[in-house]
Amino acid sequence: MKIMMNIKTDAGVKDQAKQLANNLGLSLSAVVNAYLKQFIRTKTVQFSLVPHMTPELESLLGAVEKDITKGKNLSKKIKNIKELEAYFAGL
C-alpha cells in the first residue's frame, strides 16, 4: 500500500534534487524511496561528498576480482556489433 509523505525542505533544494533525479532518468519519489530502503537495510545515515562503498558492494567486488584473477566468468573481448550479436546468439 502506498501512502503520501510530506516533508519540509527549501524550495531550491527540492528543485535541484528533482532536476538531478530527472537527469538520471528517475523521479524524486524513486530517489527518496531508494534512500529510505537503504536507510532501513544498512541502519546508517551517510553524508559525504566522497563516494562510500557499502560492505555488500565490497564483498561483491572482492568476488569479481577473484574471478578476474582466475580468468573465470569472463566474456571474450568483443570488437564490433557483429561479434556482440554472435555472442548473444550463442548464449
N, C-alpha and C. Protein backbone atom coordinates (compact mmCIF):
# COMPACT_ATOMS: atom_id res chain seq x y z
N MET A 1 0.84 -1.17 0.00
CA MET A 1 0.00 0.00 0.00
C MET A 1 0.89 1.24 0.00
N LYS A 2 0.63 2.15 -0.89
CA LYS A 2 1.39 3.40 -0.98
C LYS A 2 0.70 4.46 -0.13
N ILE A 3 1.52 5.31 0.51
CA ILE A 3 0.97 6.42 1.28
C ILE A 3 1.66 7.70 0.83
N MET A 4 1.06 8.82 1.13
CA MET A 4 1.64 10.12 0.85
C MET A 4 2.44 10.55 2.07
N MET A 5 3.67 11.04 1.85
CA MET A 5 4.50 11.50 2.93
C MET A 5 4.89 12.95 2.64
N ASN A 6 4.69 13.82 3.59
CA ASN A 6 5.04 15.22 3.42
C ASN A 6 6.31 15.53 4.21
N ILE A 7 7.25 16.22 3.56
CA ILE A 7 8.46 16.66 4.24
C ILE A 7 8.66 18.13 3.94
N LYS A 8 9.38 18.81 4.83
CA LYS A 8 9.68 20.22 4.62
C LYS A 8 11.14 20.33 4.18
N THR A 9 11.36 21.09 3.12
CA THR A 9 12.71 21.36 2.63
C THR A 9 12.69 22.70 1.92
N ASP A 10 13.85 23.26 1.71
CA ASP A 10 13.94 24.52 0.97
C ASP A 10 13.53 24.28 -0.48
N ALA A 11 12.88 25.25 -1.07
CA ALA A 11 12.42 25.13 -2.46
C ALA A 11 13.60 24.87 -3.40
N GLY A 12 14.71 25.56 -3.17
CA GLY A 12 15.89 25.37 -4.02
C GLY A 12 16.45 23.96 -3.93
N VAL A 13 16.45 23.39 -2.72
CA VAL A 13 16.94 22.02 -2.53
C VAL A 13 16.06 21.06 -3.30
N LYS A 14 14.75 21.24 -3.18
CA LYS A 14 13.82 20.36 -3.90
C LYS A 14 14.02 20.48 -5.40
N ASP A 15 14.13 21.70 -5.90
CA ASP A 15 14.27 21.91 -7.34
C ASP A 15 15.56 21.29 -7.87
N GLN A 16 16.67 21.48 -7.14
CA GLN A 16 17.94 20.90 -7.57
C GLN A 16 17.90 19.38 -7.53
N ALA A 17 17.32 18.84 -6.46
CA ALA A 17 17.23 17.38 -6.34
C ALA A 17 16.34 16.80 -7.44
N LYS A 18 15.24 17.46 -7.73
CA LYS A 18 14.32 17.00 -8.78
C LYS A 18 15.01 17.03 -10.13
N GLN A 19 15.75 18.10 -10.40
CA GLN A 19 16.47 18.21 -11.67
C GLN A 19 17.52 17.12 -11.81
N LEU A 20 18.29 16.89 -10.75
CA LEU A 20 19.30 15.84 -10.78
C LEU A 20 18.67 14.47 -10.99
N ALA A 21 17.58 14.21 -10.27
CA ALA A 21 16.88 12.93 -10.44
C ALA A 21 16.41 12.78 -11.89
N ASN A 22 15.82 13.83 -12.44
CA ASN A 22 15.36 13.78 -13.83
C ASN A 22 16.51 13.52 -14.78
N ASN A 23 17.67 14.15 -14.53
CA ASN A 23 18.85 13.94 -15.38
C ASN A 23 19.29 12.48 -15.35
N LEU A 24 19.03 11.81 -14.23
CA LEU A 24 19.39 10.40 -14.09
C LEU A 24 18.28 9.46 -14.55
N GLY A 25 17.17 10.06 -15.03
CA GLY A 25 16.05 9.25 -15.50
C GLY A 25 15.18 8.72 -14.38
N LEU A 26 15.20 9.39 -13.24
CA LEU A 26 14.44 8.95 -12.07
C LEU A 26 13.48 10.04 -11.62
N SER A 27 12.47 9.63 -10.90
CA SER A 27 11.62 10.61 -10.25
C SER A 27 12.20 10.91 -8.87
N LEU A 28 11.87 12.06 -8.33
CA LEU A 28 12.33 12.40 -6.99
C LEU A 28 11.76 11.40 -5.98
N SER A 29 10.56 10.95 -6.21
CA SER A 29 9.94 9.95 -5.34
C SER A 29 10.75 8.65 -5.34
N ALA A 30 11.23 8.23 -6.50
CA ALA A 30 12.03 7.00 -6.59
C ALA A 30 13.34 7.16 -5.82
N VAL A 31 13.94 8.35 -5.91
CA VAL A 31 15.20 8.59 -5.19
C VAL A 31 14.96 8.54 -3.68
N VAL A 32 13.92 9.21 -3.21
CA VAL A 32 13.61 9.23 -1.77
C VAL A 32 13.32 7.81 -1.29
N ASN A 33 12.54 7.05 -2.06
CA ASN A 33 12.23 5.67 -1.67
C ASN A 33 13.50 4.82 -1.60
N ALA A 34 14.40 5.00 -2.56
CA ALA A 34 15.66 4.24 -2.56
C ALA A 34 16.49 4.57 -1.31
N TYR A 35 16.56 5.86 -0.98
CA TYR A 35 17.30 6.26 0.22
C TYR A 35 16.66 5.69 1.49
N LEU A 36 15.35 5.72 1.57
CA LEU A 36 14.67 5.17 2.74
C LEU A 36 14.92 3.67 2.87
N LYS A 37 14.88 2.95 1.76
CA LYS A 37 15.14 1.50 1.79
C LYS A 37 16.58 1.21 2.20
N GLN A 38 17.52 2.02 1.69
CA GLN A 38 18.93 1.84 2.10
C GLN A 38 19.09 2.13 3.59
N PHE A 39 18.44 3.16 4.07
CA PHE A 39 18.47 3.52 5.50
C PHE A 39 17.98 2.34 6.35
N ILE A 40 16.90 1.72 5.93
CA ILE A 40 16.35 0.57 6.64
C ILE A 40 17.32 -0.61 6.58
N ARG A 41 17.85 -0.89 5.38
CA ARG A 41 18.73 -2.04 5.18
C ARG A 41 20.04 -1.91 5.95
N THR A 42 20.67 -0.72 5.88
CA THR A 42 22.00 -0.56 6.47
C THR A 42 21.99 0.02 7.88
N LYS A 43 20.85 0.60 8.26
CA LYS A 43 20.70 1.25 9.57
C LYS A 43 21.77 2.33 9.77
N THR A 44 22.14 3.00 8.69
CA THR A 44 23.11 4.07 8.75
C THR A 44 22.62 5.27 7.94
N VAL A 45 23.13 6.43 8.32
CA VAL A 45 22.90 7.66 7.57
C VAL A 45 24.26 8.19 7.18
N GLN A 46 24.43 8.47 5.90
CA GLN A 46 25.73 8.93 5.44
C GLN A 46 25.58 10.28 4.76
N PHE A 47 26.47 11.20 5.09
CA PHE A 47 26.55 12.49 4.44
C PHE A 47 27.99 12.65 4.00
N SER A 48 28.22 12.60 2.70
CA SER A 48 29.58 12.68 2.22
C SER A 48 29.59 13.12 0.76
N LEU A 49 30.58 13.88 0.41
CA LEU A 49 30.80 14.22 -0.98
C LEU A 49 31.65 13.16 -1.67
N VAL A 50 32.32 12.34 -0.84
CA VAL A 50 33.16 11.27 -1.35
C VAL A 50 32.33 10.00 -1.40
N PRO A 51 32.33 9.28 -2.52
CA PRO A 51 31.56 8.03 -2.59
C PRO A 51 32.01 7.04 -1.53
N HIS A 52 31.07 6.32 -0.94
CA HIS A 52 31.36 5.34 0.10
C HIS A 52 30.90 3.98 -0.38
N MET A 53 31.78 3.01 -0.27
CA MET A 53 31.43 1.66 -0.69
C MET A 53 30.79 0.90 0.46
N THR A 54 29.65 0.31 0.19
CA THR A 54 28.96 -0.47 1.21
C THR A 54 29.65 -1.82 1.40
N PRO A 55 29.48 -2.45 2.55
CA PRO A 55 30.06 -3.78 2.74
C PRO A 55 29.57 -4.78 1.69
N GLU A 56 28.30 -4.66 1.28
CA GLU A 56 27.76 -5.58 0.27
C GLU A 56 28.51 -5.41 -1.06
N LEU A 57 28.76 -4.15 -1.44
CA LEU A 57 29.47 -3.89 -2.70
C LEU A 57 30.92 -4.35 -2.60
N GLU A 58 31.56 -4.11 -1.45
CA GLU A 58 32.94 -4.57 -1.27
C GLU A 58 33.03 -6.09 -1.42
N SER A 59 32.07 -6.80 -0.85
CA SER A 59 32.06 -8.26 -0.94
C SER A 59 31.88 -8.71 -2.39
N LEU A 60 30.95 -8.07 -3.09
CA LEU A 60 30.70 -8.42 -4.49
C LEU A 60 31.94 -8.14 -5.34
N LEU A 61 32.56 -6.99 -5.15
CA LEU A 61 33.75 -6.65 -5.93
C LEU A 61 34.91 -7.58 -5.61
N GLY A 62 35.00 -8.02 -4.36
CA GLY A 62 36.04 -8.99 -4.00
C GLY A 62 35.88 -10.28 -4.78
N ALA A 63 34.65 -10.75 -4.91
CA ALA A 63 34.38 -11.97 -5.67
C ALA A 63 34.70 -11.76 -7.15
N VAL A 64 34.37 -10.60 -7.67
CA VAL A 64 34.65 -10.29 -9.08
C VAL A 64 36.17 -10.24 -9.31
N GLU A 65 36.90 -9.62 -8.40
CA GLU A 65 38.35 -9.55 -8.54
C GLU A 65 38.98 -10.95 -8.53
N LYS A 66 38.46 -11.85 -7.69
CA LYS A 66 38.97 -13.23 -7.67
C LYS A 66 38.70 -13.91 -9.01
N ASP A 67 37.49 -13.70 -9.56
CA ASP A 67 37.17 -14.30 -10.86
C ASP A 67 38.10 -13.77 -11.95
N ILE A 68 38.37 -12.46 -11.92
CA ILE A 68 39.26 -11.87 -12.93
C ILE A 68 40.65 -12.47 -12.81
N THR A 69 41.15 -12.60 -11.59
CA THR A 69 42.48 -13.17 -11.36
C THR A 69 42.55 -14.60 -11.89
N LYS A 70 41.47 -15.38 -11.69
CA LYS A 70 41.45 -16.77 -12.13
C LYS A 70 41.02 -16.92 -13.59
N GLY A 71 40.60 -15.82 -14.23
CA GLY A 71 40.13 -15.90 -15.61
C GLY A 71 38.78 -16.57 -15.73
N LYS A 72 38.00 -16.53 -14.64
CA LYS A 72 36.69 -17.18 -14.58
C LYS A 72 35.58 -16.18 -14.89
N ASN A 73 34.48 -16.69 -15.44
CA ASN A 73 33.25 -15.90 -15.64
C ASN A 73 33.49 -14.63 -16.45
N LEU A 74 34.36 -14.70 -17.43
CA LEU A 74 34.66 -13.54 -18.25
C LEU A 74 34.25 -13.82 -19.69
N SER A 75 33.70 -12.82 -20.35
CA SER A 75 33.40 -12.98 -21.77
C SER A 75 34.62 -12.56 -22.56
N LYS A 76 34.68 -13.01 -23.80
CA LYS A 76 35.82 -12.62 -24.64
C LYS A 76 35.68 -11.16 -25.03
N LYS A 77 36.78 -10.57 -25.49
CA LYS A 77 36.76 -9.19 -25.93
C LYS A 77 35.94 -9.10 -27.22
N ILE A 78 35.00 -8.19 -27.24
CA ILE A 78 34.12 -8.02 -28.39
C ILE A 78 34.49 -6.73 -29.10
N LYS A 79 34.79 -6.83 -30.40
CA LYS A 79 35.33 -5.70 -31.15
C LYS A 79 34.29 -4.91 -31.92
N ASN A 80 33.17 -5.55 -32.26
CA ASN A 80 32.18 -4.84 -33.08
C ASN A 80 30.79 -5.42 -32.84
N ILE A 81 29.81 -4.81 -33.46
CA ILE A 81 28.41 -5.20 -33.22
C ILE A 81 28.13 -6.62 -33.71
N LYS A 82 28.78 -7.03 -34.80
CA LYS A 82 28.57 -8.39 -35.32
C LYS A 82 29.02 -9.43 -34.29
N GLU A 83 30.19 -9.20 -33.70
CA GLU A 83 30.69 -10.12 -32.68
C GLU A 83 29.77 -10.11 -31.46
N LEU A 84 29.24 -8.96 -31.12
CA LEU A 84 28.32 -8.86 -29.98
C LEU A 84 27.05 -9.65 -30.26
N GLU A 85 26.49 -9.49 -31.45
CA GLU A 85 25.27 -10.22 -31.81
C GLU A 85 25.52 -11.72 -31.81
N ALA A 86 26.67 -12.14 -32.35
CA ALA A 86 27.01 -13.56 -32.36
C ALA A 86 27.18 -14.09 -30.95
N TYR A 87 27.80 -13.30 -30.09
CA TYR A 87 27.99 -13.73 -28.71
C TYR A 87 26.65 -13.96 -28.02
N PHE A 88 25.73 -12.99 -28.16
CA PHE A 88 24.43 -13.13 -27.52
C PHE A 88 23.60 -14.24 -28.13
N ALA A 89 23.74 -14.45 -29.42
CA ALA A 89 23.01 -15.53 -30.08
C ALA A 89 23.46 -16.91 -29.58
N GLY A 90 24.73 -16.98 -29.17
CA GLY A 90 25.27 -18.24 -28.68
C GLY A 90 24.99 -18.54 -27.22
N LEU A 91 24.38 -17.61 -26.52
CA LEU A 91 24.11 -17.84 -25.09
C LEU A 91 22.92 -18.74 -24.87
